[in-house]
Structure formats: structure tokens, C-alpha cells
Amino acid sequence: MTTVSARTPILAMNLLDVLTPESIRAPLQATDKWGVIAELVDVLGAAGKVKDVKALKEAVWTREQTRTTGIGNGLAIPHGKCAGMPGLAMAIGKPAQPMNFEAIDGQPVRLIVLLASPPDRTSDHIQALARISRLMTMDEFREKVYAAQTAEQIHELLKSQEAK
């Protein structure tokens, strides 16, 4: 967390509040967009973070079909809102090989961050999307995450970055 002053915005969102090591999959088994979304939603289901896995898969996939969440620089952030979610939840997956996610820059994706929230938690959802995007614009951090081989390494990188 940052200190709050008159000029410093409050950064209330700490990704470790919604991301646990067991919600990170490296490498992913899936090799296509739908498979990755399904696998990451299943990870959240296994961790007890989503009650209706099928409904969340449909919500994320429906959102993905409106416009790709492959935002560029090797990152995709598929996301969706689903009734019955107890709160904001996140899963991270690293494909075994960079994969096509129909990213806006036409480049393969090297990390997928799935974000899910209840319909009434729009502010948290937006803050988490912004925090992920901000972290991944930092070249050195992004390259370290892309070089990580295990879920534990990815979690440790996030932990050290969020402690700053």
C-alpha cells in the first residue's frame, strides 16, 4: 500500500487480497482461448472462490466474444461478472507456449489473468483490472513474470511488487 497524502491517490487494491498461490496455474494444460478460460474458472471453483462454475464460464466467454481481452504486450485479462460470487476472485495462468488470444497487437499471449466478480462489485472489478494493467506496463516486472516457470515464482514476484 502507498501512503496517502493530498496528492497521492489511494491504491486500495492489493492483488494478493484476491489471489492465492493455488489460484495460479503454470503451466496451463489448455492451449486455446476457450480451454484457458475454462481451466482458470475451474481453478477458482476448486479453490472455493466461485459457486456456479458453469455460469462464470458462460459470463467470461460471453464477455470475451464481445471484444478480445488480449490487451497487448503478451497479456490477456478475460473477465466476467456472475451472480453468486462471494467476492472478487482472480486466477492467473501461464501457457506452456505463447498462444493466440486474438490480442489487439496481434502478438501471442504469455500470461492470462482471469478476473471474476459479483455484479454489484463494479468498483473492485475496475480497480483490479487497473492494478493488473499498471503492473504489467512495467517492463522489468512483466519480463520477470513471463520468465517465471512455476506458480510459486509468479506469486513471489507479485508479493514483492505489491510490498513496494
N, C-alpha and C. Protein backbone atom coordinates (compact mmCIF):
# COMPACT_ATOMS: atom_id res chain seq x y z
N MET A 1 0.83 -1.19 0.00
CA MET A 1 0.00 0.00 0.00
C MET A 1 0.87 1.24 0.00
N THR A 2 0.35 2.29 -0.57
CA THR A 2 1.09 3.54 -0.57
C THR A 2 0.59 4.42 0.56
N THR A 3 1.42 5.36 0.96
CA THR A 3 0.98 6.32 1.96
C THR A 3 0.07 7.31 1.28
N VAL A 4 -0.86 7.81 2.03
CA VAL A 4 -1.84 8.72 1.47
C VAL A 4 -1.46 10.15 1.83
N SER A 5 -1.35 10.98 0.84
CA SER A 5 -1.15 12.41 1.04
C SER A 5 -2.18 13.12 0.19
N ALA A 6 -2.15 14.41 0.23
CA ALA A 6 -3.13 15.18 -0.55
C ALA A 6 -2.98 14.94 -2.04
N ARG A 7 -1.77 14.57 -2.47
CA ARG A 7 -1.53 14.38 -3.90
C ARG A 7 -1.43 12.92 -4.33
N THR A 8 -1.37 12.01 -3.39
CA THR A 8 -1.19 10.60 -3.72
C THR A 8 -2.54 9.90 -3.74
N PRO A 9 -2.88 9.27 -4.87
CA PRO A 9 -4.15 8.54 -4.89
C PRO A 9 -4.09 7.31 -3.98
N ILE A 10 -5.20 6.95 -3.44
CA ILE A 10 -5.26 5.76 -2.59
C ILE A 10 -5.26 4.54 -3.51
N LEU A 11 -4.30 3.65 -3.31
CA LEU A 11 -4.26 2.40 -4.07
C LEU A 11 -4.76 1.29 -3.17
N ALA A 12 -6.07 1.22 -3.04
CA ALA A 12 -6.67 0.28 -2.11
C ALA A 12 -6.53 -1.17 -2.59
N MET A 13 -6.34 -1.35 -3.87
CA MET A 13 -6.32 -2.70 -4.41
C MET A 13 -4.94 -3.33 -4.29
N ASN A 14 -4.86 -4.37 -3.48
CA ASN A 14 -3.66 -5.20 -3.41
C ASN A 14 -4.08 -6.54 -3.99
N LEU A 15 -3.44 -6.94 -5.08
CA LEU A 15 -3.85 -8.16 -5.77
C LEU A 15 -3.75 -9.39 -4.89
N LEU A 16 -2.88 -9.37 -3.89
CA LEU A 16 -2.75 -10.54 -3.02
C LEU A 16 -3.96 -10.71 -2.10
N ASP A 17 -4.81 -9.68 -2.03
CA ASP A 17 -6.06 -9.82 -1.28
C ASP A 17 -7.04 -10.75 -1.99
N VAL A 18 -6.87 -10.91 -3.30
CA VAL A 18 -7.79 -11.74 -4.07
C VAL A 18 -7.10 -12.89 -4.81
N LEU A 19 -5.78 -12.98 -4.68
CA LEU A 19 -5.04 -14.03 -5.38
C LEU A 19 -4.25 -14.87 -4.39
N THR A 20 -4.49 -16.17 -4.43
CA THR A 20 -3.75 -17.09 -3.59
C THR A 20 -2.86 -17.95 -4.48
N PRO A 21 -1.78 -18.52 -3.91
CA PRO A 21 -0.89 -19.34 -4.75
C PRO A 21 -1.62 -20.47 -5.48
N GLU A 22 -2.64 -21.06 -4.85
CA GLU A 22 -3.35 -22.16 -5.51
C GLU A 22 -4.25 -21.70 -6.66
N SER A 23 -4.37 -20.38 -6.83
CA SER A 23 -5.15 -19.83 -7.94
C SER A 23 -4.26 -19.47 -9.13
N ILE A 24 -3.01 -19.93 -9.10
CA ILE A 24 -2.08 -19.69 -10.20
C ILE A 24 -1.73 -21.04 -10.82
N ARG A 25 -1.82 -21.14 -12.14
CA ARG A 25 -1.52 -22.38 -12.84
C ARG A 25 -0.40 -22.13 -13.84
N ALA A 26 0.74 -22.77 -13.60
CA ALA A 26 1.88 -22.64 -14.51
C ALA A 26 2.59 -23.99 -14.59
N PRO A 27 2.60 -24.61 -15.75
CA PRO A 27 1.96 -24.15 -16.99
C PRO A 27 0.49 -24.58 -17.05
N LEU A 28 -0.26 -23.88 -17.88
CA LEU A 28 -1.64 -24.27 -18.16
C LEU A 28 -1.62 -25.53 -19.02
N GLN A 29 -2.65 -26.34 -18.87
CA GLN A 29 -2.81 -27.51 -19.74
C GLN A 29 -3.45 -27.12 -21.07
N ALA A 30 -4.40 -26.19 -21.00
CA ALA A 30 -5.14 -25.77 -22.19
C ALA A 30 -4.24 -25.02 -23.17
N THR A 31 -4.59 -25.11 -24.44
CA THR A 31 -3.78 -24.46 -25.47
C THR A 31 -4.60 -23.53 -26.37
N ASP A 32 -5.88 -23.36 -26.06
CA ASP A 32 -6.71 -22.42 -26.82
C ASP A 32 -7.48 -21.52 -25.86
N LYS A 33 -8.03 -20.45 -26.41
CA LYS A 33 -8.69 -19.42 -25.59
C LYS A 33 -9.80 -19.99 -24.71
N TRP A 34 -10.74 -20.73 -25.30
CA TRP A 34 -11.84 -21.28 -24.52
C TRP A 34 -11.31 -22.24 -23.44
N GLY A 35 -10.37 -23.08 -23.80
CA GLY A 35 -9.81 -24.03 -22.85
C GLY A 35 -9.14 -23.34 -21.67
N VAL A 36 -8.42 -22.25 -21.95
CA VAL A 36 -7.75 -21.49 -20.88
C VAL A 36 -8.78 -20.87 -19.95
N ILE A 37 -9.81 -20.26 -20.50
CA ILE A 37 -10.86 -19.66 -19.66
C ILE A 37 -11.50 -20.73 -18.79
N ALA A 38 -11.84 -21.86 -19.39
CA ALA A 38 -12.46 -22.96 -18.63
C ALA A 38 -11.52 -23.47 -17.53
N GLU A 39 -10.24 -23.64 -17.85
CA GLU A 39 -9.28 -24.13 -16.87
C GLU A 39 -9.12 -23.16 -15.70
N LEU A 40 -9.04 -21.88 -15.99
CA LEU A 40 -8.87 -20.90 -14.92
C LEU A 40 -10.12 -20.77 -14.06
N VAL A 41 -11.30 -20.85 -14.66
CA VAL A 41 -12.53 -20.83 -13.87
C VAL A 41 -12.59 -22.08 -12.99
N ASP A 42 -12.16 -23.23 -13.53
CA ASP A 42 -12.11 -24.45 -12.73
C ASP A 42 -11.16 -24.31 -11.54
N VAL A 43 -10.04 -23.61 -11.74
CA VAL A 43 -9.10 -23.34 -10.65
C VAL A 43 -9.80 -22.56 -9.54
N LEU A 44 -10.57 -21.53 -9.92
CA LEU A 44 -11.31 -20.76 -8.93
C LEU A 44 -12.37 -21.61 -8.24
N GLY A 45 -13.03 -22.48 -9.01
CA GLY A 45 -14.02 -23.37 -8.42
C GLY A 45 -13.40 -24.31 -7.41
N ALA A 46 -12.26 -24.90 -7.74
CA ALA A 46 -11.56 -25.82 -6.84
C ALA A 46 -11.11 -25.12 -5.56
N ALA A 47 -10.81 -23.81 -5.67
CA ALA A 47 -10.37 -23.04 -4.51
C ALA A 47 -11.55 -22.51 -3.69
N GLY A 48 -12.78 -22.83 -4.13
CA GLY A 48 -13.97 -22.40 -3.40
C GLY A 48 -14.30 -20.92 -3.59
N LYS A 49 -13.78 -20.31 -4.65
CA LYS A 49 -14.00 -18.89 -4.86
C LYS A 49 -15.17 -18.58 -5.78
N VAL A 50 -15.75 -19.61 -6.36
CA VAL A 50 -16.92 -19.42 -7.22
C VAL A 50 -17.88 -20.58 -6.98
N LYS A 51 -19.16 -20.23 -6.82
CA LYS A 51 -20.15 -21.27 -6.53
C LYS A 51 -20.68 -21.94 -7.80
N ASP A 52 -20.92 -21.14 -8.84
CA ASP A 52 -21.50 -21.67 -10.07
C ASP A 52 -20.47 -21.58 -11.20
N VAL A 53 -19.64 -22.60 -11.32
CA VAL A 53 -18.55 -22.63 -12.30
C VAL A 53 -19.09 -22.47 -13.71
N LYS A 54 -20.15 -23.18 -14.03
CA LYS A 54 -20.72 -23.12 -15.38
C LYS A 54 -21.19 -21.71 -15.73
N ALA A 55 -21.87 -21.05 -14.80
CA ALA A 55 -22.36 -19.69 -15.06
C ALA A 55 -21.20 -18.72 -15.25
N LEU A 56 -20.11 -18.88 -14.48
CA LEU A 56 -18.97 -17.99 -14.63
C LEU A 56 -18.28 -18.22 -15.97
N LYS A 57 -18.14 -19.48 -16.37
CA LYS A 57 -17.53 -19.76 -17.68
C LYS A 57 -18.34 -19.07 -18.78
N GLU A 58 -19.66 -19.16 -18.69
CA GLU A 58 -20.52 -18.53 -19.70
C GLU A 58 -20.37 -17.02 -19.68
N ALA A 59 -20.30 -16.42 -18.48
CA ALA A 59 -20.18 -14.96 -18.36
C ALA A 59 -18.85 -14.47 -18.95
N VAL A 60 -17.77 -15.17 -18.64
CA VAL A 60 -16.45 -14.76 -19.15
C VAL A 60 -16.39 -14.96 -20.66
N TRP A 61 -16.90 -16.09 -21.13
CA TRP A 61 -16.86 -16.37 -22.56
C TRP A 61 -17.73 -15.37 -23.34
N THR A 62 -18.90 -15.04 -22.81
CA THR A 62 -19.78 -14.06 -23.45
C THR A 62 -19.07 -12.72 -23.55
N ARG A 63 -18.41 -12.30 -22.47
CA ARG A 63 -17.66 -11.04 -22.49
C ARG A 63 -16.52 -11.12 -23.51
N GLU A 64 -15.84 -12.23 -23.58
CA GLU A 64 -14.71 -12.40 -24.50
C GLU A 64 -15.17 -12.29 -25.95
N GLN A 65 -16.36 -12.74 -26.24
CA GLN A 65 -16.86 -12.71 -27.62
C GLN A 65 -17.25 -11.30 -28.06
N THR A 66 -17.51 -10.40 -27.11
CA THR A 66 -17.85 -9.02 -27.49
C THR A 66 -16.61 -8.27 -27.96
N ARG A 67 -15.47 -8.53 -27.32
CA ARG A 67 -14.19 -7.93 -27.72
C ARG A 67 -13.08 -8.67 -26.99
N THR A 68 -11.99 -8.92 -27.68
CA THR A 68 -10.90 -9.67 -27.07
C THR A 68 -10.37 -8.97 -25.83
N THR A 69 -9.94 -9.77 -24.86
CA THR A 69 -9.31 -9.24 -23.67
C THR A 69 -7.79 -9.41 -23.75
N GLY A 70 -7.30 -9.78 -24.94
CA GLY A 70 -5.86 -9.80 -25.19
C GLY A 70 -5.44 -8.35 -25.40
N ILE A 71 -4.91 -7.72 -24.34
CA ILE A 71 -4.71 -6.27 -24.37
C ILE A 71 -3.36 -5.84 -24.94
N GLY A 72 -2.51 -6.80 -25.28
CA GLY A 72 -1.21 -6.47 -25.85
C GLY A 72 -0.08 -6.74 -24.87
N ASN A 73 1.14 -6.67 -25.37
CA ASN A 73 2.34 -6.94 -24.56
C ASN A 73 2.32 -8.34 -23.94
N GLY A 74 1.65 -9.28 -24.61
CA GLY A 74 1.65 -10.66 -24.13
C GLY A 74 0.67 -10.95 -23.01
N LEU A 75 -0.25 -10.03 -22.74
CA LEU A 75 -1.17 -10.17 -21.62
C LEU A 75 -2.63 -10.23 -22.08
N ALA A 76 -3.39 -11.13 -21.47
CA ALA A 76 -4.84 -11.17 -21.65
C ALA A 76 -5.47 -11.13 -20.27
N ILE A 77 -6.58 -10.40 -20.16
CA ILE A 77 -7.30 -10.31 -18.89
C ILE A 77 -8.78 -10.63 -19.12
N PRO A 78 -9.09 -11.90 -19.37
CA PRO A 78 -10.51 -12.25 -19.52
C PRO A 78 -11.21 -12.01 -18.18
N HIS A 79 -12.43 -11.51 -18.24
CA HIS A 79 -13.14 -11.20 -17.01
C HIS A 79 -14.64 -11.29 -17.21
N GLY A 80 -15.34 -11.44 -16.09
CA GLY A 80 -16.78 -11.52 -16.14
C GLY A 80 -17.38 -11.33 -14.77
N LYS A 81 -18.66 -11.01 -14.78
CA LYS A 81 -19.41 -10.85 -13.55
C LYS A 81 -20.47 -11.93 -13.49
N CYS A 82 -20.66 -12.46 -12.30
CA CYS A 82 -21.55 -13.61 -12.16
C CYS A 82 -22.24 -13.55 -10.80
N ALA A 83 -23.56 -13.69 -10.81
CA ALA A 83 -24.30 -13.75 -9.55
C ALA A 83 -23.84 -14.96 -8.75
N GLY A 84 -23.89 -14.85 -7.45
CA GLY A 84 -23.49 -15.97 -6.61
C GLY A 84 -22.02 -15.98 -6.25
N MET A 85 -21.25 -15.05 -6.82
CA MET A 85 -19.84 -14.96 -6.44
C MET A 85 -19.79 -14.33 -5.05
N PRO A 86 -19.02 -14.92 -4.13
CA PRO A 86 -18.93 -14.32 -2.80
C PRO A 86 -18.14 -13.01 -2.78
N GLY A 87 -17.29 -12.80 -3.77
CA GLY A 87 -16.49 -11.58 -3.84
C GLY A 87 -15.61 -11.63 -5.07
N LEU A 88 -14.74 -10.66 -5.17
CA LEU A 88 -13.79 -10.59 -6.27
C LEU A 88 -12.85 -11.79 -6.21
N ALA A 89 -12.55 -12.39 -7.35
CA ALA A 89 -11.65 -13.54 -7.40
C ALA A 89 -10.75 -13.42 -8.63
N MET A 90 -9.54 -13.95 -8.51
CA MET A 90 -8.58 -13.88 -9.61
C MET A 90 -7.83 -15.19 -9.72
N ALA A 91 -7.57 -15.58 -10.97
CA ALA A 91 -6.72 -16.74 -11.26
C ALA A 91 -5.74 -16.30 -12.35
N ILE A 92 -4.53 -16.81 -12.26
CA ILE A 92 -3.51 -16.50 -13.26
C ILE A 92 -3.04 -17.79 -13.90
N GLY A 93 -2.88 -17.75 -15.22
CA GLY A 93 -2.37 -18.90 -15.94
C GLY A 93 -1.25 -18.50 -16.89
N LYS A 94 -0.25 -19.35 -16.93
CA LYS A 94 0.86 -19.12 -17.86
C LYS A 94 0.86 -20.28 -18.85
N PRO A 95 0.61 -19.99 -20.13
CA PRO A 95 0.62 -21.06 -21.12
C PRO A 95 2.00 -21.71 -21.22
N ALA A 96 2.04 -22.98 -21.54
CA ALA A 96 3.32 -23.67 -21.73
C ALA A 96 4.11 -23.01 -22.87
N GLN A 97 3.40 -22.55 -23.88
CA GLN A 97 3.98 -21.82 -25.01
C GLN A 97 3.11 -20.58 -25.25
N PRO A 98 3.71 -19.46 -25.68
CA PRO A 98 2.87 -18.30 -26.02
C PRO A 98 1.76 -18.74 -26.99
N MET A 99 0.56 -18.20 -26.77
CA MET A 99 -0.59 -18.67 -27.54
C MET A 99 -1.38 -17.53 -28.15
N ASN A 100 -2.14 -17.87 -29.18
CA ASN A 100 -3.01 -16.91 -29.83
C ASN A 100 -4.21 -16.64 -28.93
N PHE A 101 -4.44 -15.37 -28.62
CA PHE A 101 -5.60 -14.96 -27.84
C PHE A 101 -6.33 -13.84 -28.57
N GLU A 102 -6.00 -13.71 -29.87
CA GLU A 102 -6.58 -12.64 -30.70
C GLU A 102 -6.32 -11.27 -30.07
N ALA A 103 -5.10 -11.09 -29.56
CA ALA A 103 -4.74 -9.84 -28.89
C ALA A 103 -4.80 -8.66 -29.86
N ILE A 104 -5.05 -7.49 -29.32
CA ILE A 104 -5.19 -6.30 -30.15
C ILE A 104 -3.91 -5.94 -30.89
N ASP A 105 -2.75 -6.35 -30.35
CA ASP A 105 -1.49 -6.06 -31.05
C ASP A 105 -1.06 -7.21 -31.97
N GLY A 106 -1.89 -8.26 -32.06
CA GLY A 106 -1.61 -9.38 -32.94
C GLY A 106 -0.53 -10.33 -32.43
N GLN A 107 -0.01 -10.07 -31.24
CA GLN A 107 1.06 -10.88 -30.67
C GLN A 107 0.51 -12.00 -29.79
N PRO A 108 1.26 -13.09 -29.65
CA PRO A 108 0.81 -14.18 -28.77
C PRO A 108 0.78 -13.73 -27.31
N VAL A 109 -0.04 -14.40 -26.54
CA VAL A 109 -0.21 -14.10 -25.12
C VAL A 109 0.69 -15.02 -24.30
N ARG A 110 1.34 -14.43 -23.29
CA ARG A 110 2.26 -15.18 -22.43
C ARG A 110 1.75 -15.31 -21.00
N LEU A 111 0.68 -14.55 -20.67
CA LEU A 111 0.10 -14.61 -19.33
C LEU A 111 -1.38 -14.26 -19.44
N ILE A 112 -2.20 -15.03 -18.73
CA ILE A 112 -3.64 -14.78 -18.71
C ILE A 112 -4.04 -14.57 -17.27
N VAL A 113 -4.69 -13.45 -17.00
CA VAL A 113 -5.19 -13.12 -15.67
C VAL A 113 -6.71 -13.09 -15.77
N LEU A 114 -7.37 -14.06 -15.16
CA LEU A 114 -8.83 -14.12 -15.18
C LEU A 114 -9.36 -13.45 -13.93
N LEU A 115 -10.31 -12.55 -14.13
CA LEU A 115 -10.90 -11.80 -13.04
C LEU A 115 -12.40 -12.03 -13.04
N ALA A 116 -12.95 -12.31 -11.86
CA ALA A 116 -14.39 -12.56 -11.75
C ALA A 116 -14.92 -11.84 -10.52
N SER A 117 -16.13 -11.32 -10.65
CA SER A 117 -16.72 -10.62 -9.52
C SER A 117 -18.24 -10.72 -9.56
N PRO A 118 -18.88 -10.45 -8.41
CA PRO A 118 -20.34 -10.38 -8.42
C PRO A 118 -20.77 -9.12 -9.17
N PRO A 119 -21.98 -9.10 -9.71
CA PRO A 119 -22.44 -7.95 -10.49
C PRO A 119 -22.42 -6.63 -9.72
N ASP A 120 -22.55 -6.68 -8.41
CA ASP A 120 -22.63 -5.45 -7.61
C ASP A 120 -21.27 -4.95 -7.11
N ARG A 121 -20.17 -5.52 -7.60
CA ARG A 121 -18.84 -5.11 -7.13
C ARG A 121 -18.03 -4.47 -8.27
N THR A 122 -18.68 -3.58 -9.02
CA THR A 122 -18.06 -2.96 -10.18
C THR A 122 -16.78 -2.20 -9.82
N SER A 123 -16.79 -1.47 -8.72
CA SER A 123 -15.61 -0.67 -8.33
C SER A 123 -14.41 -1.57 -8.08
N ASP A 124 -14.58 -2.65 -7.33
CA ASP A 124 -13.48 -3.58 -7.06
C ASP A 124 -12.97 -4.19 -8.37
N HIS A 125 -13.90 -4.55 -9.23
CA HIS A 125 -13.57 -5.16 -10.52
C HIS A 125 -12.69 -4.21 -11.34
N ILE A 126 -13.10 -2.96 -11.43
CA ILE A 126 -12.35 -1.97 -12.21
C ILE A 126 -10.99 -1.69 -11.56
N GLN A 127 -10.95 -1.59 -10.23
CA GLN A 127 -9.67 -1.36 -9.55
C GLN A 127 -8.69 -2.50 -9.82
N ALA A 128 -9.18 -3.73 -9.79
CA ALA A 128 -8.31 -4.88 -10.03
C ALA A 128 -7.80 -4.88 -11.48
N LEU A 129 -8.68 -4.61 -12.43
CA LEU A 129 -8.26 -4.52 -13.83
C LEU A 129 -7.18 -3.44 -14.00
N ALA A 130 -7.40 -2.30 -13.37
CA ALA A 130 -6.43 -1.20 -13.48
C ALA A 130 -5.10 -1.58 -12.83
N ARG A 131 -5.15 -2.25 -11.68
CA ARG A 131 -3.92 -2.62 -10.97
C ARG A 131 -3.10 -3.61 -11.80
N ILE A 132 -3.77 -4.61 -12.36
CA ILE A 132 -3.09 -5.60 -13.20
C ILE A 132 -2.45 -4.90 -14.40
N SER A 133 -3.22 -4.06 -15.06
CA SER A 133 -2.72 -3.35 -16.24
C SER A 133 -1.51 -2.49 -15.88
N ARG A 134 -1.59 -1.79 -14.75
CA ARG A 134 -0.50 -0.92 -14.33
C ARG A 134 0.77 -1.73 -14.07
N LEU A 135 0.64 -2.83 -13.34
CA LEU A 135 1.81 -3.68 -13.04
C LEU A 135 2.45 -4.20 -14.32
N MET A 136 1.62 -4.63 -15.25
CA MET A 136 2.14 -5.27 -16.45
C MET A 136 2.67 -4.27 -17.48
N THR A 137 2.51 -2.96 -17.23
CA THR A 137 3.15 -1.98 -18.10
C THR A 137 4.60 -1.74 -17.67
N MET A 138 4.97 -2.25 -16.51
CA MET A 138 6.35 -2.11 -16.02
C MET A 138 7.18 -3.20 -16.69
N ASP A 139 8.02 -2.78 -17.64
CA ASP A 139 8.76 -3.72 -18.48
C ASP A 139 9.54 -4.77 -17.70
N GLU A 140 10.31 -4.35 -16.71
CA GLU A 140 11.15 -5.29 -15.96
C GLU A 140 10.30 -6.32 -15.21
N PHE A 141 9.24 -5.86 -14.55
CA PHE A 141 8.36 -6.76 -13.82
C PHE A 141 7.69 -7.74 -14.78
N ARG A 142 7.17 -7.21 -15.89
CA ARG A 142 6.48 -8.06 -16.88
C ARG A 142 7.40 -9.16 -17.39
N GLU A 143 8.63 -8.83 -17.72
CA GLU A 143 9.56 -9.83 -18.24
C GLU A 143 9.91 -10.89 -17.18
N LYS A 144 10.00 -10.47 -15.93
CA LYS A 144 10.25 -11.44 -14.85
C LYS A 144 9.09 -12.41 -14.71
N VAL A 145 7.87 -11.90 -14.80
CA VAL A 145 6.69 -12.77 -14.72
C VAL A 145 6.67 -13.73 -15.90
N TYR A 146 6.97 -13.23 -17.09
CA TYR A 146 6.97 -14.08 -18.28
C TYR A 146 8.06 -15.15 -18.20
N ALA A 147 9.15 -14.85 -17.50
CA ALA A 147 10.25 -15.81 -17.37
C ALA A 147 9.99 -16.83 -16.26
N ALA A 148 9.07 -16.54 -15.36
CA ALA A 148 8.77 -17.45 -14.25
C ALA A 148 8.29 -18.80 -14.78
N GLN A 149 8.70 -19.85 -14.11
CA GLN A 149 8.35 -21.21 -14.55
C GLN A 149 7.27 -21.86 -13.70
N THR A 150 7.07 -21.36 -12.48
CA THR A 150 6.12 -22.02 -11.57
C THR A 150 5.13 -21.01 -10.99
N ALA A 151 4.04 -21.54 -10.47
CA ALA A 151 3.04 -20.72 -9.79
C ALA A 151 3.68 -20.00 -8.61
N GLU A 152 4.55 -20.69 -7.88
CA GLU A 152 5.19 -20.10 -6.71
C GLU A 152 6.06 -18.90 -7.11
N GLN A 153 6.78 -19.02 -8.22
CA GLN A 153 7.61 -17.90 -8.68
C GLN A 153 6.75 -16.69 -9.06
N ILE A 154 5.65 -16.93 -9.73
CA ILE A 154 4.75 -15.84 -10.11
C ILE A 154 4.18 -15.18 -8.87
N HIS A 155 3.75 -15.99 -7.90
CA HIS A 155 3.20 -15.44 -6.66
C HIS A 155 4.24 -14.61 -5.92
N GLU A 156 5.46 -15.09 -5.84
CA GLU A 156 6.53 -14.36 -5.15
C GLU A 156 6.83 -13.03 -5.83
N LEU A 157 6.82 -13.01 -7.16
CA LEU A 157 7.04 -11.76 -7.89
C LEU A 157 5.94 -10.74 -7.57
N LEU A 158 4.70 -11.21 -7.56
CA LEU A 158 3.59 -10.32 -7.22
C LEU A 158 3.71 -9.85 -5.78
N LYS A 159 4.06 -10.76 -4.90
CA LYS A 159 4.20 -10.43 -3.49
C LYS A 159 5.26 -9.33 -3.29
N SER A 160 6.41 -9.48 -3.92
CA SER A 160 7.46 -8.48 -3.76
C SER A 160 7.06 -7.15 -4.40
N GLN A 161 6.33 -7.20 -5.51
CA GLN A 161 5.90 -5.96 -6.16
C GLN A 161 4.82 -5.26 -5.35
N GLU A 162 3.89 -6.01 -4.79
CA GLU A 162 2.80 -5.40 -4.02
C GLU A 162 3.29 -4.85 -2.68
N ALA A 163 4.44 -5.32 -2.20
CA ALA A 163 5.01 -4.83 -0.94
C ALA A 163 5.66 -3.46 -1.10
N LYS A 164 5.89 -3.04 -2.34
CA LYS A 164 6.58 -1.76 -2.59
C LYS A 164 5.66 -0.59 -2.34
